[in-house]
């Protein structure tokens, strides 16, 4: 018995993760979705950075607004409730570079994935719950520790369960469709 090949590990991982995302039905499906999103952000990106995998179309350099499915996820605001039952309005997408507000028309898919990766990797993820049910997550990114201490994020987004599933599926589809 030999070792599995590393040559196509990223492709097989993406295909299996996409199948998992499509079929999650367990009580902890939202946790599985977050884990899947993390894998879809990290593994293909590392293969790409090392030059192990190249893509027909460099979708990572396309703008978020170039994709209808992403535009639907990252546009507008949503009303949420905090721990004290206070309602607040949450932007679906907020990103600032050099204190200049960016939009989905000026932010690339690659930047979006990097911001998600950094926010989650640095534990800047807030679950939004209704009792034990997780309705969604807020992900934030901070440029440095000082900004984090001051609550001065440069990226913030909210995704509900359906949007998280759509986002993970979009990432998987783009990688699979564009593998050379």
C-alpha atoms as a PDB file:
ATOM      1  CA  UNK A   1       0.000   0.000   0.000  1.00  0.00           C
ATOM      2  CA  UNK A   2       1.487   3.327  -1.046  1.00  0.00           C
ATOM      3  CA  UNK A   3       0.917   6.891  -0.066  1.00  0.00           C
ATOM      4  CA  UNK A   4      -1.851   8.814  -1.818  1.00  0.00           C
ATOM      5  CA  UNK A   5      -0.587  11.191  -4.473  1.00  0.00           C
ATOM      6  CA  UNK A   6      -0.078  14.801  -3.469  1.00  0.00           C
ATOM      7  CA  UNK A   7      -0.267  15.844  -7.124  1.00  0.00           C
ATOM      8  CA  UNK A   8      -4.054  16.215  -7.141  1.00  0.00           C
ATOM      9  CA  UNK A   9      -4.683  16.569  -3.411  1.00  0.00           C
ATOM     10  CA  UNK A  10      -6.051  20.108  -3.742  1.00  0.00           C
ATOM     11  CA  UNK A  11      -8.469  19.140  -6.514  1.00  0.00           C
ATOM     12  CA  UNK A  12      -9.731  16.067  -4.644  1.00  0.00           C
ATOM     13  CA  UNK A  13     -10.036  18.106  -1.445  1.00  0.00           C
ATOM     14  CA  UNK A  14     -12.078  20.786  -3.228  1.00  0.00           C
ATOM     15  CA  UNK A  15     -14.358  18.207  -4.873  1.00  0.00           C
ATOM     16  CA  UNK A  16     -14.959  16.359  -1.589  1.00  0.00           C
ATOM     17  CA  UNK A  17     -15.525  19.577   0.333  1.00  0.00           C
ATOM     18  CA  UNK A  18     -17.998  20.788  -2.298  1.00  0.00           C
ATOM     19  CA  UNK A  19     -19.914  17.494  -1.956  1.00  0.00           C
ATOM     20  CA  UNK A  20     -19.930  17.869   1.837  1.00  0.00           C
ATOM     21  CA  UNK A  21     -21.191  21.461   1.661  1.00  0.00           C
ATOM     22  CA  UNK A  22     -24.022  20.381  -0.636  1.00  0.00           C
ATOM     23  CA  UNK A  23     -25.182  17.537   1.607  1.00  0.00           C
ATOM     24  CA  UNK A  24     -24.759  18.809   5.209  1.00  0.00           C
ATOM     25  CA  UNK A  25     -27.867  18.006   7.210  1.00  0.00           C
ATOM     26  CA  UNK A  26     -26.535  17.455  10.736  1.00  0.00           C
ATOM     27  CA  UNK A  27     -27.372  19.608  13.784  1.00  0.00           C
ATOM     28  CA  UNK A  28     -23.857  21.081  13.524  1.00  0.00           C
ATOM     29  CA  UNK A  29     -24.051  21.896   9.819  1.00  0.00           C
ATOM     30  CA  UNK A  30     -23.041  25.509  10.352  1.00  0.00           C
ATOM     31  CA  UNK A  31     -19.823  24.408  12.079  1.00  0.00           C
ATOM     32  CA  UNK A  32     -19.149  22.069   9.158  1.00  0.00           C
ATOM     33  CA  UNK A  33     -19.755  24.942   6.720  1.00  0.00           C
ATOM     34  CA  UNK A  34     -17.231  27.152   8.531  1.00  0.00           C
ATOM     35  CA  UNK A  35     -14.681  24.312   8.529  1.00  0.00           C
ATOM     36  CA  UNK A  36     -15.293  23.731   4.829  1.00  0.00           C
ATOM     37  CA  UNK A  37     -14.920  27.422   4.025  1.00  0.00           C
ATOM     38  CA  UNK A  38     -11.606  27.477   5.891  1.00  0.00           C
ATOM     39  CA  UNK A  39     -10.327  24.515   3.918  1.00  0.00           C
ATOM     40  CA  UNK A  40     -11.460  26.051   0.634  1.00  0.00           C
ATOM     41  CA  UNK A  41      -9.684  29.289   1.479  1.00  0.00           C
ATOM     42  CA  UNK A  42      -6.425  27.771   2.752  1.00  0.00           C
ATOM     43  CA  UNK A  43      -5.598  24.672   0.709  1.00  0.00           C
ATOM     44  CA  UNK A  44      -6.093  25.935  -2.884  1.00  0.00           C
ATOM     45  CA  UNK A  45      -4.441  29.235  -1.973  1.00  0.00           C
ATOM     46  CA  UNK A  46      -1.320  27.499  -0.692  1.00  0.00           C
ATOM     47  CA  UNK A  47      -1.108  25.308  -3.809  1.00  0.00           C
ATOM     48  CA  UNK A  48      -1.461  28.467  -5.904  1.00  0.00           C
ATOM     49  CA  UNK A  49       1.173  30.424  -3.931  1.00  0.00           C
ATOM     50  CA  UNK A  50       3.692  27.597  -4.248  1.00  0.00           C
ATOM     51  CA  UNK A  51       3.093  27.442  -8.001  1.00  0.00           C
ATOM     52  CA  UNK A  52       1.827  23.875  -7.675  1.00  0.00           C
ATOM     53  CA  UNK A  53      -1.441  24.723  -9.374  1.00  0.00           C
ATOM     54  CA  UNK A  54      -2.199  27.230 -12.128  1.00  0.00           C
ATOM     55  CA  UNK A  55      -5.592  28.458 -13.310  1.00  0.00           C
ATOM     56  CA  UNK A  56      -7.033  29.087 -16.797  1.00  0.00           C
ATOM     57  CA  UNK A  57      -8.709  32.273 -15.608  1.00  0.00           C
ATOM     58  CA  UNK A  58      -7.223  34.071 -12.649  1.00  0.00           C
ATOM     59  CA  UNK A  59     -10.588  34.603 -10.993  1.00  0.00           C
ATOM     60  CA  UNK A  60      -8.788  35.742  -7.835  1.00  0.00           C
ATOM     61  CA  UNK A  61      -7.908  39.004  -9.614  1.00  0.00           C
ATOM     62  CA  UNK A  62     -11.492  39.605 -10.768  1.00  0.00           C
ATOM     63  CA  UNK A  63     -13.697  41.947  -8.786  1.00  0.00           C
ATOM     64  CA  UNK A  64     -16.360  40.620  -6.429  1.00  0.00           C
ATOM     65  CA  UNK A  65     -18.968  42.471  -8.488  1.00  0.00           C
ATOM     66  CA  UNK A  66     -18.005  40.419 -11.580  1.00  0.00           C
ATOM     67  CA  UNK A  67     -19.899  37.491 -10.038  1.00  0.00           C
ATOM     68  CA  UNK A  68     -23.671  37.695  -9.584  1.00  0.00           C
ATOM     69  CA  UNK A  69     -23.663  35.106  -6.796  1.00  0.00           C
ATOM     70  CA  UNK A  70     -21.137  37.133  -4.777  1.00  0.00           C
ATOM     71  CA  UNK A  71     -22.925  40.423  -5.445  1.00  0.00           C
ATOM     72  CA  UNK A  72     -26.050  38.945  -3.851  1.00  0.00           C
ATOM     73  CA  UNK A  73     -24.113  37.859  -0.766  1.00  0.00           C
ATOM     74  CA  UNK A  74     -22.044  40.995  -0.171  1.00  0.00           C
ATOM     75  CA  UNK A  75     -24.533  43.781  -0.952  1.00  0.00           C
ATOM     76  CA  UNK A  76     -26.725  45.707   1.467  1.00  0.00           C
ATOM     77  CA  UNK A  77     -27.356  45.458   5.173  1.00  0.00           C
ATOM     78  CA  UNK A  78     -29.113  43.075   7.514  1.00  0.00           C
ATOM     79  CA  UNK A  79     -30.839  43.718  10.844  1.00  0.00           C
ATOM     80  CA  UNK A  80     -29.376  41.649  13.674  1.00  0.00           C
ATOM     81  CA  UNK A  81     -29.824  41.424  17.437  1.00  0.00           C
ATOM     82  CA  UNK A  82     -27.012  41.549  19.996  1.00  0.00           C
ATOM     83  CA  UNK A  83     -26.738  39.643  23.311  1.00  0.00           C
ATOM     84  CA  UNK A  84     -28.820  42.309  25.063  1.00  0.00           C
ATOM     85  CA  UNK A  85     -31.645  41.990  22.500  1.00  0.00           C
ATOM     86  CA  UNK A  86     -30.793  45.329  20.895  1.00  0.00           C
ATOM     87  CA  UNK A  87     -31.356  45.534  17.159  1.00  0.00           C
ATOM     88  CA  UNK A  88     -28.560  46.889  14.964  1.00  0.00           C
ATOM     89  CA  UNK A  89     -27.873  47.222  11.259  1.00  0.00           C
ATOM     90  CA  UNK A  90     -24.938  45.185   9.959  1.00  0.00           C
ATOM     91  CA  UNK A  91     -23.266  45.879   6.616  1.00  0.00           C
ATOM     92  CA  UNK A  92     -22.858  42.829   4.412  1.00  0.00           C
ATOM     93  CA  UNK A  93     -19.502  44.156   3.204  1.00  0.00           C
ATOM     94  CA  UNK A  94     -17.267  46.854   4.646  1.00  0.00           C
ATOM     95  CA  UNK A  95     -13.616  47.198   3.593  1.00  0.00           C
ATOM     96  CA  UNK A  96     -11.198  50.100   3.958  1.00  0.00           C
ATOM     97  CA  UNK A  97      -7.688  50.397   2.564  1.00  0.00           C
ATOM     98  CA  UNK A  98      -5.637  53.412   3.624  1.00  0.00           C
ATOM     99  CA  UNK A  99      -8.844  54.737   5.258  1.00  0.00           C
ATOM    100  CA  UNK A 100     -10.616  54.766   1.881  1.00  0.00           C
ATOM    101  CA  UNK A 101     -13.905  52.873   1.763  1.00  0.00           C
ATOM    102  CA  UNK A 102     -13.790  50.134  -0.877  1.00  0.00           C
ATOM    103  CA  UNK A 103     -16.702  48.439  -2.587  1.00  0.00           C
ATOM    104  CA  UNK A 104     -17.359  45.103  -4.248  1.00  0.00           C
ATOM    105  CA  UNK A 105     -16.557  46.897  -7.518  1.00  0.00           C
ATOM    106  CA  UNK A 106     -13.033  47.741  -6.316  1.00  0.00           C
ATOM    107  CA  UNK A 107     -12.212  44.630  -4.253  1.00  0.00           C
ATOM    108  CA  UNK A 108     -10.908  41.450  -5.856  1.00  0.00           C
ATOM    109  CA  UNK A 109     -12.017  37.937  -4.994  1.00  0.00           C
ATOM    110  CA  UNK A 110      -8.415  37.277  -3.910  1.00  0.00           C
ATOM    111  CA  UNK A 111      -8.556  40.203  -1.473  1.00  0.00           C
ATOM    112  CA  UNK A 112     -11.876  38.927  -0.130  1.00  0.00           C
ATOM    113  CA  UNK A 113     -10.433  35.452   0.479  1.00  0.00           C
ATOM    114  CA  UNK A 114      -7.320  36.938   2.111  1.00  0.00           C
ATOM    115  CA  UNK A 115      -9.436  39.098   4.428  1.00  0.00           C
ATOM    116  CA  UNK A 116     -11.614  36.121   5.376  1.00  0.00           C
ATOM    117  CA  UNK A 117      -8.525  33.998   5.981  1.00  0.00           C
ATOM    118  CA  UNK A 118      -6.888  36.627   8.178  1.00  0.00           C
ATOM    119  CA  UNK A 119     -10.057  37.389  10.119  1.00  0.00           C
ATOM    120  CA  UNK A 120     -10.769  33.746  10.886  1.00  0.00           C
ATOM    121  CA  UNK A 121      -7.110  32.826  11.521  1.00  0.00           C
ATOM    122  CA  UNK A 122      -6.834  35.643  14.080  1.00  0.00           C
ATOM    123  CA  UNK A 123     -10.070  34.574  15.782  1.00  0.00           C
ATOM    124  CA  UNK A 124     -12.061  37.621  14.707  1.00  0.00           C
ATOM    125  CA  UNK A 125     -15.228  35.670  14.047  1.00  0.00           C
ATOM    126  CA  UNK A 126     -18.456  36.311  15.930  1.00  0.00           C
ATOM    127  CA  UNK A 127     -21.351  33.841  15.778  1.00  0.00           C
ATOM    128  CA  UNK A 128     -24.827  35.340  15.595  1.00  0.00           C
ATOM    129  CA  UNK A 129     -27.192  33.007  17.408  1.00  0.00           C
ATOM    130  CA  UNK A 130     -30.853  32.598  18.123  1.00  0.00           C
ATOM    131  CA  UNK A 131     -30.655  30.422  21.217  1.00  0.00           C
ATOM    132  CA  UNK A 132     -28.508  27.413  20.326  1.00  0.00           C
ATOM    133  CA  UNK A 133     -29.080  27.952  16.585  1.00  0.00           C
ATOM    134  CA  UNK A 134     -26.309  29.819  14.759  1.00  0.00           C
ATOM    135  CA  UNK A 135     -27.926  32.149  12.251  1.00  0.00           C
ATOM    136  CA  UNK A 136     -24.701  33.512  10.849  1.00  0.00           C
ATOM    137  CA  UNK A 137     -21.220  34.873  11.464  1.00  0.00           C
ATOM    138  CA  UNK A 138     -19.535  38.246  11.437  1.00  0.00           C
ATOM    139  CA  UNK A 139     -15.925  38.115  10.270  1.00  0.00           C
ATOM    140  CA  UNK A 140     -13.595  41.067  10.868  1.00  0.00           C
ATOM    141  CA  UNK A 141     -10.014  41.805   9.959  1.00  0.00           C
ATOM    142  CA  UNK A 142      -7.679  44.280  11.636  1.00  0.00           C
ATOM    143  CA  UNK A 143      -4.463  45.670  10.138  1.00  0.00           C
ATOM    144  CA  UNK A 144      -2.540  45.262  13.396  1.00  0.00           C
ATOM    145  CA  UNK A 145      -2.904  44.568  17.130  1.00  0.00           C
ATOM    146  CA  UNK A 146      -3.306  48.257  17.988  1.00  0.00           C
ATOM    147  CA  UNK A 147      -6.272  48.571  15.610  1.00  0.00           C
ATOM    148  CA  UNK A 148      -7.732  45.369  17.031  1.00  0.00           C
ATOM    149  CA  UNK A 149      -7.499  46.709  20.602  1.00  0.00           C
ATOM    150  CA  UNK A 150      -9.243  49.902  19.456  1.00  0.00           C
ATOM    151  CA  UNK A 151     -11.910  47.961  17.528  1.00  0.00           C
ATOM    152  CA  UNK A 152     -10.808  49.689  14.304  1.00  0.00           C
ATOM    153  CA  UNK A 153     -11.346  46.949  11.717  1.00  0.00           C
ATOM    154  CA  UNK A 154     -10.490  47.346   8.056  1.00  0.00           C
ATOM    155  CA  UNK A 155     -12.870  44.554   6.961  1.00  0.00           C
ATOM    156  CA  UNK A 156     -16.201  43.312   8.246  1.00  0.00           C
ATOM    157  CA  UNK A 157     -18.867  41.090   6.749  1.00  0.00           C
ATOM    158  CA  UNK A 158     -21.875  39.061   7.816  1.00  0.00           C
ATOM    159  CA  UNK A 159     -22.934  35.759   6.261  1.00  0.00           C
ATOM    160  CA  UNK A 160     -25.957  33.694   7.212  1.00  0.00           C
ATOM    161  CA  UNK A 161     -25.987  29.904   6.734  1.00  0.00           C
ATOM    162  CA  UNK A 162     -27.356  30.014   3.198  1.00  0.00           C
ATOM    163  CA  UNK A 163     -24.839  32.684   2.144  1.00  0.00           C
ATOM    164  CA  UNK A 164     -21.958  30.774   3.714  1.00  0.00           C
ATOM    165  CA  UNK A 165     -22.984  27.690   1.721  1.00  0.00           C
ATOM    166  CA  UNK A 166     -23.226  29.747  -1.497  1.00  0.00           C
ATOM    167  CA  UNK A 167     -19.832  31.368  -0.838  1.00  0.00           C
ATOM    168  CA  UNK A 168     -18.108  28.037  -0.152  1.00  0.00           C
ATOM    169  CA  UNK A 169     -19.706  26.501  -3.261  1.00  0.00           C
ATOM    170  CA  UNK A 170     -18.636  29.494  -5.369  1.00  0.00           C
ATOM    171  CA  UNK A 171     -15.017  29.125  -4.229  1.00  0.00           C
ATOM    172  CA  UNK A 172     -15.027  25.377  -4.934  1.00  0.00           C
ATOM    173  CA  UNK A 173     -16.613  25.841  -8.368  1.00  0.00           C
ATOM    174  CA  UNK A 174     -14.177  28.563  -9.418  1.00  0.00           C
ATOM    175  CA  UNK A 175     -11.133  26.533  -8.450  1.00  0.00           C
ATOM    176  CA  UNK A 176     -12.403  23.354 -10.131  1.00  0.00           C
ATOM    177  CA  UNK A 177     -13.562  25.121 -13.331  1.00  0.00           C
ATOM    178  CA  UNK A 178     -10.281  26.979 -13.732  1.00  0.00           C
ATOM    179  CA  UNK A 179      -7.700  24.263 -13.006  1.00  0.00           C
ATOM    180  CA  UNK A 180      -5.291  23.856 -15.917  1.00  0.00           C
END
